[in-house]
C-alpha cells in the first residue's frame, strides 16, 4: 500500500485522533507482517512546510534547507559553503514544491521490541513492553536517550500504554495484559552512525530507527517546532490494517 498524507489523515480522523495543522504529526505504522528482529515498520512525519525567509544569503539558505531535511541530488546534506551549485539548486527545487504545503517524510523503524528483550532479558516480570496503538498527546519531548550525544524524543510528558508480552516466543503481541505509565518508551536511533540490520537489544519497547542518520534528520525537523509547541510532541501509533483508502 502506498502511503500518502491523504490516506494517513483520513485514517486518523476516522479514529477520532487529533490532526495538527501548525505542528508536526508523528505517526508510527506497525506492519501486519510478523518479522521478529526486523525493521519493517514506518514512522511518518507530516507538517506544513513554512516558507524560507526571502532575505537569506546562499549560506543561510543551505543551513535552513539542511535543518528541514532537504538534500542535494547526491542524496546528502548540503555543503554549507555559500556557493550555488547543482546540489543546492536541487534542494531549493524540492523545497519550492512543498512551500506552504503539507509534506510527508517516511522513515523505516520498528515499533516492536527486539527478540533479545522478549526471550533473553525480560526487564519486567510481567513481560516485555509492546506499545499499544493509540494517540499519545503531548507525551514526548526532545531530549536524550541514555547518553548526552543521542538526541531523541523521550517519553517524559505523559503516560503511554503497553502490552506485556511474557511468553518468550520472540513475537511481539497482545496477550491481554496492559499497563499504563512512564516506561521510557522513547523514539530513538539504533547503532550510531550507520544502518542496523537487526533490532537486537536496541529496543525493549521503544520506537527505533533503522538508520542513525534518518533519526538525526527527524530530530532536526522536530527542533523546528520546539519553540512553537513548547517542546510537547504527540505520537500516534496505528496498525497497517487501520489504513483506509
Protein backbone atom coordinates (compact mmCIF):
# COMPACT_ATOMS: atom_id res chain seq x y z
CA UNK A 1 0.00 0.00 0.00
CA UNK A 2 1.34 3.41 -0.96
CA UNK A 3 1.39 5.83 1.94
CA UNK A 4 0.11 9.35 1.39
CA UNK A 5 -0.83 12.33 3.51
CA UNK A 6 -4.47 11.98 2.48
CA UNK A 7 -4.59 8.28 3.43
CA UNK A 8 -2.96 8.81 6.81
CA UNK A 9 -5.03 11.89 7.63
CA UNK A 10 -8.26 10.12 6.72
CA UNK A 11 -7.33 7.17 8.93
CA UNK A 12 -6.55 9.36 11.93
CA UNK A 13 -9.73 11.37 11.51
CA UNK A 14 -11.81 8.20 11.32
CA UNK A 15 -10.29 7.05 14.61
CA UNK A 16 -11.08 10.39 16.23
CA UNK A 17 -7.44 11.39 16.65
CA UNK A 18 -6.08 14.92 16.59
CA UNK A 19 -4.57 16.32 13.41
CA UNK A 20 -2.13 19.20 13.75
CA UNK A 21 -2.12 21.95 11.14
CA UNK A 22 0.59 24.05 12.80
CA UNK A 23 2.72 21.28 14.29
CA UNK A 24 4.41 18.06 13.22
CA UNK A 25 2.17 15.00 13.01
CA UNK A 26 4.28 12.00 14.05
CA UNK A 27 2.70 8.67 13.16
CA UNK A 28 4.07 5.17 13.61
CA UNK A 29 2.62 2.43 11.41
CA UNK A 30 3.02 -1.15 12.64
CA UNK A 31 3.27 -3.69 9.83
CA UNK A 32 0.87 -6.60 9.65
CA UNK A 33 3.83 -8.82 8.74
CA UNK A 34 5.31 -10.52 11.79
CA UNK A 35 9.07 -10.43 11.20
CA UNK A 36 10.93 -10.79 14.52
CA UNK A 37 14.05 -8.62 14.89
CA UNK A 38 13.50 -6.91 11.52
CA UNK A 39 12.90 -3.20 11.00
CA UNK A 40 9.70 -3.35 8.95
CA UNK A 41 7.50 -0.59 10.36
CA UNK A 42 7.27 3.06 9.38
CA UNK A 43 7.40 6.43 11.06
CA UNK A 44 5.72 9.21 9.11
CA UNK A 45 6.20 12.91 9.78
CA UNK A 46 3.66 15.24 8.19
CA UNK A 47 3.72 19.00 8.51
CA UNK A 48 3.01 22.17 6.58
CA UNK A 49 6.30 23.41 5.16
CA UNK A 50 6.85 27.02 6.30
CA UNK A 51 8.44 29.44 3.84
CA UNK A 52 12.12 30.29 3.91
CA UNK A 53 12.93 33.93 4.76
CA UNK A 54 13.40 35.69 1.42
CA UNK A 55 16.34 37.76 2.68
CA UNK A 56 18.57 34.76 3.31
CA UNK A 57 22.03 34.57 1.79
CA UNK A 58 23.06 31.40 -0.05
CA UNK A 59 24.85 30.18 3.08
CA UNK A 60 21.80 30.73 5.27
CA UNK A 61 19.61 29.03 2.67
CA UNK A 62 21.85 25.98 2.80
CA UNK A 63 21.73 25.88 6.59
CA UNK A 64 17.94 26.28 6.56
CA UNK A 65 17.43 23.54 3.97
CA UNK A 66 19.61 21.16 5.97
CA UNK A 67 17.57 21.80 9.11
CA UNK A 68 14.39 20.88 7.26
CA UNK A 69 15.76 17.66 5.80
CA UNK A 70 16.26 18.73 2.19
CA UNK A 71 19.14 17.06 0.37
CA UNK A 72 21.09 17.58 -2.80
CA UNK A 73 20.86 15.44 -5.93
CA UNK A 74 23.60 13.29 -4.36
CA UNK A 75 21.24 12.35 -1.51
CA UNK A 76 23.38 14.11 1.08
CA UNK A 77 23.06 17.19 3.24
CA UNK A 78 24.20 20.35 1.52
CA UNK A 79 27.72 21.64 1.94
CA UNK A 80 27.32 24.89 3.85
CA UNK A 81 29.80 26.81 1.72
CA UNK A 82 27.72 29.74 0.46
CA UNK A 83 28.05 28.62 -3.16
CA UNK A 84 25.19 27.85 -5.52
CA UNK A 85 25.73 24.52 -7.22
CA UNK A 86 23.71 21.61 -8.58
CA UNK A 87 23.02 20.15 -5.13
CA UNK A 88 21.81 23.43 -3.65
CA UNK A 89 19.64 24.11 -6.70
CA UNK A 90 18.17 20.62 -6.44
CA UNK A 91 17.31 21.09 -2.76
CA UNK A 92 15.78 24.51 -3.49
CA UNK A 93 13.60 22.97 -6.19
CA UNK A 94 12.39 20.31 -3.76
CA UNK A 95 11.62 22.97 -1.18
CA UNK A 96 9.67 25.05 -3.70
CA UNK A 97 7.50 22.01 -4.42
CA UNK A 98 6.45 21.89 -0.76
CA UNK A 99 6.43 25.54 0.30
CA UNK A 100 3.23 26.26 2.26
CA UNK A 101 2.02 22.71 1.53
CA UNK A 102 1.81 19.56 3.60
CA UNK A 103 4.94 17.46 3.38
CA UNK A 104 5.25 13.74 4.17
CA UNK A 105 8.55 12.12 5.14
CA UNK A 106 8.68 8.36 5.72
CA UNK A 107 11.31 6.53 7.76
CA UNK A 108 11.87 2.82 8.45
CA UNK A 109 11.64 1.97 12.14
CA UNK A 110 10.50 -0.76 14.49
CA UNK A 111 7.50 -0.33 16.78
CA UNK A 112 8.20 -3.73 18.36
CA UNK A 113 10.89 -4.78 20.85
CA UNK A 114 13.78 -6.94 19.74
CA UNK A 115 13.90 -10.68 20.33
CA UNK A 116 16.62 -10.19 22.95
CA UNK A 117 14.30 -8.38 25.35
CA UNK A 118 11.46 -10.77 24.59
CA UNK A 119 13.33 -14.02 25.18
CA UNK A 120 16.67 -13.47 26.93
CA UNK A 121 16.40 -10.46 29.20
CA UNK A 122 12.92 -9.54 30.38
CA UNK A 123 13.14 -6.17 32.10
CA UNK A 124 9.78 -6.63 33.78
CA UNK A 125 8.34 -9.78 35.35
CA UNK A 126 5.02 -9.04 33.65
CA UNK A 127 6.69 -9.24 30.25
CA UNK A 128 8.34 -7.15 27.57
CA UNK A 129 6.71 -3.84 26.67
CA UNK A 130 4.95 -3.61 23.30
CA UNK A 131 3.43 -0.20 22.71
CA UNK A 132 -0.33 -0.29 22.30
CA UNK A 133 -1.70 1.54 19.25
CA UNK A 134 -3.19 4.88 20.21
CA UNK A 135 -2.58 8.61 20.23
CA UNK A 136 -0.32 9.86 23.00
CA UNK A 137 -0.94 13.60 23.16
CA UNK A 138 1.98 15.76 24.36
CA UNK A 139 3.73 12.70 25.80
CA UNK A 140 7.07 13.30 24.09
CA UNK A 141 9.78 15.93 24.39
CA UNK A 142 13.11 16.48 22.73
CA UNK A 143 15.84 15.17 24.97
CA UNK A 144 18.49 12.46 25.03
CA UNK A 145 18.38 8.66 25.13
CA UNK A 146 20.88 7.01 27.51
CA UNK A 147 23.83 9.24 26.51
CA UNK A 148 24.14 13.00 26.11
CA UNK A 149 25.03 12.72 22.43
CA UNK A 150 21.99 10.60 21.50
CA UNK A 151 19.26 13.12 20.72
CA UNK A 152 15.76 11.66 20.68
CA UNK A 153 12.11 12.17 21.52
CA UNK A 154 11.72 10.96 25.08
CA UNK A 155 8.56 9.86 26.87
CA UNK A 156 8.61 12.36 29.73
CA UNK A 157 5.47 14.38 29.01
CA UNK A 158 2.78 11.82 29.70
CA UNK A 159 1.85 8.18 30.15
CA UNK A 160 1.64 5.59 27.40
CA UNK A 161 0.02 2.17 27.37
CA UNK A 162 1.90 -1.03 26.60
CA UNK A 163 1.03 -4.67 26.24
CA UNK A 164 3.05 -7.01 28.44
CA UNK A 165 4.33 -9.98 26.44
CA UNK A 166 5.87 -12.72 28.58
CA UNK A 167 5.52 -15.92 26.57
CA UNK A 168 9.08 -15.64 25.21
CA UNK A 169 8.19 -16.80 21.70
CA UNK A 170 10.06 -13.93 20.04
CA UNK A 171 6.90 -12.44 18.51
CA UNK A 172 5.68 -9.11 19.87
CA UNK A 173 1.97 -9.50 20.54
CA UNK A 174 -1.01 -8.56 22.68
CA UNK A 175 -1.56 -11.26 25.30
CA UNK A 176 -4.30 -9.33 27.08
CA UNK A 177 -2.16 -7.70 29.77
CA UNK A 178 -1.94 -3.90 29.60
CA UNK A 179 -0.10 -1.36 31.70
CA UNK A 180 -0.09 2.43 31.55
CA UNK A 181 2.71 4.62 32.85
CA UNK A 182 6.11 6.17 32.28
CA UNK A 183 8.24 3.42 30.77
CA UNK A 184 10.86 5.37 28.84
CA UNK A 185 9.32 4.29 25.55
CA UNK A 186 11.46 6.73 23.59
CA UNK A 187 11.78 7.38 19.87
CA UNK A 188 15.49 7.00 19.17
CA UNK A 189 18.19 5.54 16.97
CA UNK A 190 19.89 2.15 16.93
CA UNK A 191 23.63 1.80 16.27
CA UNK A 192 25.32 5.16 15.92
CA UNK A 193 26.49 6.45 12.55
CA UNK A 194 25.23 3.53 10.49
CA UNK A 195 22.27 1.43 9.41
CA UNK A 196 21.33 -1.50 11.66
CA UNK A 197 20.36 -4.90 10.23
CA UNK A 198 18.63 -6.40 13.28
CA UNK A 199 16.71 -4.85 16.16
CA UNK A 200 18.53 -6.97 18.73
CA UNK A 201 18.99 -5.15 22.04
CA UNK A 202 18.21 -1.73 20.60
CA UNK A 203 14.53 -1.86 21.56
CA UNK A 204 12.85 -3.01 24.74
CA UNK A 205 9.61 -1.31 23.73
CA UNK A 206 10.90 1.91 22.19
CA UNK A 207 10.25 3.09 18.65
CA UNK A 208 13.65 2.75 17.00
CA UNK A 209 15.08 3.99 13.71
CA UNK A 210 16.90 1.55 11.46
CA UNK A 211 19.16 4.31 10.10
CA UNK A 212 21.01 6.61 12.51
CA UNK A 213 21.18 9.48 10.03
CA UNK A 214 17.45 9.33 9.42
CA UNK A 215 16.96 9.62 13.17
CA UNK A 216 19.20 12.68 13.17
CA UNK A 217 17.17 14.23 10.36
CA UNK A 218 13.94 13.51 12.25
CA UNK A 219 15.30 15.24 15.36
CA UNK A 220 16.39 18.28 13.34
CA UNK A 221 12.89 18.61 11.93
CA UNK A 222 11.34 18.28 15.38
CA UNK A 223 13.65 21.03 16.59
CA UNK A 224 11.98 23.42 14.14
CA UNK A 225 8.72 23.03 16.10
CA UNK A 226 10.17 23.02 19.61
CA UNK A 227 9.57 26.68 20.44
CA UNK A 228 6.09 26.85 18.94
CA UNK A 229 4.81 23.73 20.72
CA UNK A 230 6.74 24.28 23.98
CA UNK A 231 8.61 21.04 23.35
CA UNK A 232 5.45 18.93 23.54
CA UNK A 233 5.09 16.35 20.79
CA UNK A 234 2.26 13.92 20.13
CA UNK A 235 2.98 10.40 18.91
CA UNK A 236 0.28 8.36 17.22
CA UNK A 237 0.72 4.63 16.65
CA UNK A 238 -1.61 2.86 14.25
CA UNK A 239 -1.57 -0.53 12.59
CA UNK A 240 -1.20 -1.11 8.88
CA UNK A 241 -4.64 -2.71 8.81
CA UNK A 242 -6.13 0.57 10.10
CA UNK A 243 -5.26 2.40 6.90
CA UNK A 244 -8.29 3.12 4.75
CA UNK A 245 -8.47 4.35 1.19
